[in-house]
Amino acid sequence: MAGMKTLSHFGLALLLAAILLPACKGASLSSRQTSLNETVVNYNDMFRWRDYESASEYAIPSIREDFMAAAESWKRDLNVTDYEINKITLEQSGKEATVVVTRSFYKTPSVTVQRQEIRQRWIQLQGNWYLAGPPY
């Protein structure tokens, strides 16, 4: 009888694991999405406010030098007046994402505001989200 009781506890444990494992995976993807949303907003805020040094920290380390080189030209004439995050698509792996952003901007000496839609590619490394490359 004791062996049967142990077997039924083991079966119950397996059943619970089968039920809870997908829930844990879903929670993990949900927390990744939340973290990604916050990161994307923070990066685009820094970019909008021309704090390119802080914005560069959101780029993967291998492209930060290129980002800062591009920022030299942005400092001269790019003025982002607003941005809108249109869509965030998290890949099935949960470690890559595509973010569609519409920026409103003008380039001096013009004062005509233009709109441009860009697709940012983000990757997760060691638990943090990073912009993977241009467009910035």
C-alpha atoms as a PDB file:
ATOM      1  CA  MET A   1       0.000   0.000   0.000  1.00  0.00           C
ATOM      2  CA  ALA A   2       2.852   2.418   0.847  1.00  0.00           C
ATOM      3  CA  GLY A   3       4.325   1.910  -2.628  1.00  0.00           C
ATOM      4  CA  MET A   4       0.981   2.722  -4.241  1.00  0.00           C
ATOM      5  CA  LYS A   5       0.657   5.916  -2.188  1.00  0.00           C
ATOM      6  CA  THR A   6       4.162   7.058  -3.266  1.00  0.00           C
ATOM      7  CA  LEU A   7       3.334   6.294  -6.878  1.00  0.00           C
ATOM      8  CA  SER A   8       0.126   8.340  -6.722  1.00  0.00           C
ATOM      9  CA  HIS A   9       2.031  11.285  -5.150  1.00  0.00           C
ATOM     10  CA  PHE A  10       4.596  11.046  -7.927  1.00  0.00           C
ATOM     11  CA  GLY A  11       1.809  11.026 -10.528  1.00  0.00           C
ATOM     12  CA  LEU A  12       0.214  14.055  -8.874  1.00  0.00           C
ATOM     13  CA  ALA A  13       3.561  15.860  -8.899  1.00  0.00           C
ATOM     14  CA  LEU A  14       3.984  15.127 -12.624  1.00  0.00           C
ATOM     15  CA  LEU A  15       0.471  16.364 -13.346  1.00  0.00           C
ATOM     16  CA  LEU A  16       1.095  19.612 -11.445  1.00  0.00           C
ATOM     17  CA  ALA A  17       4.416  20.111 -13.256  1.00  0.00           C
ATOM     18  CA  ALA A  18       2.684  19.602 -16.624  1.00  0.00           C
ATOM     19  CA  ILE A  19       0.058  22.201 -15.722  1.00  0.00           C
ATOM     20  CA  LEU A  20       2.373  24.781 -14.161  1.00  0.00           C
ATOM     21  CA  LEU A  21       5.289  24.643 -16.606  1.00  0.00           C
ATOM     22  CA  PRO A  22       3.442  26.394 -19.459  1.00  0.00           C
ATOM     23  CA  ALA A  23       2.166  29.005 -16.989  1.00  0.00           C
ATOM     24  CA  CYS A  24       5.724  29.699 -15.841  1.00  0.00           C
ATOM     25  CA  LYS A  25       6.889  30.018 -19.438  1.00  0.00           C
ATOM     26  CA  GLY A  26       4.062  32.456 -20.168  1.00  0.00           C
ATOM     27  CA  ALA A  27       4.930  34.553 -17.150  1.00  0.00           C
ATOM     28  CA  SER A  28       8.518  34.638 -18.301  1.00  0.00           C
ATOM     29  CA  LEU A  29       7.527  35.879 -21.760  1.00  0.00           C
ATOM     30  CA  SER A  30       5.211  38.420 -20.166  1.00  0.00           C
ATOM     31  CA  SER A  31       7.990  39.795 -17.958  1.00  0.00           C
ATOM     32  CA  ARG A  32      10.289  39.942 -20.998  1.00  0.00           C
ATOM     33  CA  GLN A  33       7.633  41.935 -22.854  1.00  0.00           C
ATOM     34  CA  THR A  34       7.227  44.340 -19.913  1.00  0.00           C
ATOM     35  CA  SER A  35      10.976  44.788 -19.646  1.00  0.00           C
ATOM     36  CA  LEU A  36      11.215  45.334 -23.409  1.00  0.00           C
ATOM     37  CA  ASN A  37       8.417  47.935 -23.370  1.00  0.00           C
ATOM     38  CA  GLU A  38      10.142  49.909 -20.607  1.00  0.00           C
ATOM     39  CA  THR A  39      13.509  49.712 -22.357  1.00  0.00           C
ATOM     40  CA  VAL A  40      12.097  50.831 -25.706  1.00  0.00           C
ATOM     41  CA  VAL A  41      10.337  53.805 -24.103  1.00  0.00           C
ATOM     42  CA  ASN A  42      13.444  54.805 -22.134  1.00  0.00           C
ATOM     43  CA  TYR A  43      15.685  54.585 -25.204  1.00  0.00           C
ATOM     44  CA  ASN A  44      13.317  56.581 -27.409  1.00  0.00           C
ATOM     45  CA  ASP A  45      12.907  59.211 -24.674  1.00  0.00           C
ATOM     46  CA  MET A  46      16.702  59.621 -24.455  1.00  0.00           C
ATOM     47  CA  PHE A  47      16.941  59.833 -28.244  1.00  0.00           C
ATOM     48  CA  ARG A  48      14.140  62.395 -28.405  1.00  0.00           C
ATOM     49  CA  TRP A  49      15.747  64.589 -25.749  1.00  0.00           C
ATOM     50  CA  ARG A  50      19.118  64.384 -27.565  1.00  0.00           C
ATOM     51  CA  ASP A  51      20.780  62.579 -24.661  1.00  0.00           C
ATOM     52  CA  TYR A  52      22.736  60.413 -27.072  1.00  0.00           C
ATOM     53  CA  GLU A  53      25.294  59.369 -24.468  1.00  0.00           C
ATOM     54  CA  SER A  54      22.540  57.780 -22.338  1.00  0.00           C
ATOM     55  CA  ALA A  55      20.761  56.429 -25.417  1.00  0.00           C
ATOM     56  CA  SER A  56      23.974  54.687 -26.512  1.00  0.00           C
ATOM     57  CA  GLU A  57      23.822  52.552 -23.350  1.00  0.00           C
ATOM     58  CA  TYR A  58      20.747  50.866 -24.857  1.00  0.00           C
ATOM     59  CA  ALA A  59      22.744  49.728 -27.907  1.00  0.00           C
ATOM     60  CA  ILE A  60      24.642  46.451 -27.844  1.00  0.00           C
ATOM     61  CA  PRO A  61      28.248  47.186 -26.869  1.00  0.00           C
ATOM     62  CA  SER A  62      29.633  46.246 -30.295  1.00  0.00           C
ATOM     63  CA  ILE A  63      27.764  49.121 -32.023  1.00  0.00           C
ATOM     64  CA  ARG A  64      28.030  51.885 -29.405  1.00  0.00           C
ATOM     65  CA  GLU A  65      30.996  53.500 -31.147  1.00  0.00           C
ATOM     66  CA  ASP A  66      29.062  53.596 -34.445  1.00  0.00           C
ATOM     67  CA  PHE A  67      26.024  54.964 -32.605  1.00  0.00           C
ATOM     68  CA  MET A  68      28.057  57.817 -31.089  1.00  0.00           C
ATOM     69  CA  ALA A  69      29.650  58.576 -34.458  1.00  0.00           C
ATOM     70  CA  ALA A  70      26.178  58.892 -35.989  1.00  0.00           C
ATOM     71  CA  ALA A  71      25.101  61.021 -33.023  1.00  0.00           C
ATOM     72  CA  GLU A  72      27.685  63.653 -33.999  1.00  0.00           C
ATOM     73  CA  SER A  73      25.668  64.419 -37.136  1.00  0.00           C
ATOM     74  CA  TRP A  74      22.339  64.234 -35.264  1.00  0.00           C
ATOM     75  CA  LYS A  75      23.581  66.831 -32.779  1.00  0.00           C
ATOM     76  CA  ARG A  76      23.989  69.330 -35.623  1.00  0.00           C
ATOM     77  CA  ASP A  77      20.526  69.196 -37.142  1.00  0.00           C
ATOM     78  CA  LEU A  78      18.130  66.467 -35.941  1.00  0.00           C
ATOM     79  CA  ASN A  79      15.299  67.513 -33.632  1.00  0.00           C
ATOM     80  CA  VAL A  80      12.798  64.817 -32.671  1.00  0.00           C
ATOM     81  CA  THR A  81       9.550  66.457 -31.612  1.00  0.00           C
ATOM     82  CA  ASP A  82       7.653  63.279 -30.774  1.00  0.00           C
ATOM     83  CA  TYR A  83       7.585  59.556 -31.285  1.00  0.00           C
ATOM     84  CA  GLU A  84       4.995  56.821 -31.154  1.00  0.00           C
ATOM     85  CA  ILE A  85       5.613  53.138 -30.587  1.00  0.00           C
ATOM     86  CA  ASN A  86       3.240  51.514 -33.052  1.00  0.00           C
ATOM     87  CA  LYS A  87       3.952  47.839 -32.596  1.00  0.00           C
ATOM     88  CA  ILE A  88       6.221  45.526 -30.649  1.00  0.00           C
ATOM     89  CA  THR A  89       6.592  41.996 -31.973  1.00  0.00           C
ATOM     90  CA  LEU A  90       8.348  39.576 -29.658  1.00  0.00           C
ATOM     91  CA  GLU A  91       9.852  36.606 -31.487  1.00  0.00           C
ATOM     92  CA  GLN A  92       8.870  33.112 -30.357  1.00  0.00           C
ATOM     93  CA  SER A  93      12.256  32.652 -28.645  1.00  0.00           C
ATOM     94  CA  GLY A  94      11.420  35.625 -26.421  1.00  0.00           C
ATOM     95  CA  LYS A  95      14.949  36.971 -26.945  1.00  0.00           C
ATOM     96  CA  GLU A  96      14.468  39.059 -30.094  1.00  0.00           C
ATOM     97  CA  ALA A  97      11.931  41.684 -31.028  1.00  0.00           C
ATOM     98  CA  THR A  98      11.014  44.124 -33.763  1.00  0.00           C
ATOM     99  CA  VAL A  99       9.700  47.514 -32.705  1.00  0.00           C
ATOM    100  CA  VAL A 100       7.961  49.828 -35.165  1.00  0.00           C
ATOM    101  CA  VAL A 101       8.355  53.481 -34.175  1.00  0.00           C
ATOM    102  CA  THR A 102       7.062  56.598 -35.909  1.00  0.00           C
ATOM    103  CA  ARG A 103       9.160  59.683 -35.227  1.00  0.00           C
ATOM    104  CA  SER A 104       8.163  63.251 -35.863  1.00  0.00           C
ATOM    105  CA  PHE A 105      11.221  65.404 -36.469  1.00  0.00           C
ATOM    106  CA  TYR A 106      12.711  68.329 -38.286  1.00  0.00           C
ATOM    107  CA  LYS A 107      16.223  68.986 -39.478  1.00  0.00           C
ATOM    108  CA  THR A 108      17.515  72.503 -39.093  1.00  0.00           C
ATOM    109  CA  PRO A 109      17.561  74.930 -40.743  1.00  0.00           C
ATOM    110  CA  SER A 110      14.106  73.685 -41.826  1.00  0.00           C
ATOM    111  CA  VAL A 111      11.266  73.876 -39.351  1.00  0.00           C
ATOM    112  CA  THR A 112       8.956  71.580 -41.313  1.00  0.00           C
ATOM    113  CA  VAL A 113       8.042  68.572 -39.219  1.00  0.00           C
ATOM    114  CA  GLN A 114       8.334  65.249 -41.004  1.00  0.00           C
ATOM    115  CA  ARG A 115       7.246  61.776 -39.948  1.00  0.00           C
ATOM    116  CA  GLN A 116       9.257  58.631 -40.468  1.00  0.00           C
ATOM    117  CA  GLU A 117       8.475  55.033 -39.568  1.00  0.00           C
ATOM    118  CA  ILE A 118      11.467  52.955 -38.528  1.00  0.00           C
ATOM    119  CA  ARG A 119      11.893  49.339 -37.485  1.00  0.00           C
ATOM    120  CA  GLN A 120      14.194  48.839 -34.528  1.00  0.00           C
ATOM    121  CA  ARG A 121      15.610  45.387 -33.849  1.00  0.00           C
ATOM    122  CA  TRP A 122      16.123  44.519 -30.174  1.00  0.00           C
ATOM    123  CA  ILE A 123      17.847  41.507 -28.633  1.00  0.00           C
ATOM    124  CA  GLN A 124      18.040  40.239 -25.089  1.00  0.00           C
ATOM    125  CA  LEU A 125      21.506  39.545 -23.703  1.00  0.00           C
ATOM    126  CA  GLN A 126      22.076  38.427 -20.133  1.00  0.00           C
ATOM    127  CA  GLY A 127      18.556  39.453 -19.154  1.00  0.00           C
ATOM    128  CA  ASN A 128      18.737  42.989 -20.621  1.00  0.00           C
ATOM    129  CA  TRP A 129      17.312  44.346 -23.882  1.00  0.00           C
ATOM    130  CA  TYR A 130      19.620  46.093 -26.358  1.00  0.00           C
ATOM    131  CA  LEU A 131      19.134  47.852 -29.663  1.00  0.00           C
ATOM    132  CA  ALA A 132      20.862  45.597 -32.206  1.00  0.00           C
ATOM    133  CA  GLY A 133      21.771  48.155 -34.855  1.00  0.00           C
ATOM    134  CA  PRO A 134      20.580  50.769 -37.273  1.00  0.00           C
ATOM    135  CA  PRO A 135      18.146  52.251 -37.727  1.00  0.00           C
ATOM    136  CA  TYR A 136      18.616  53.950 -34.419  1.00  0.00           C
END
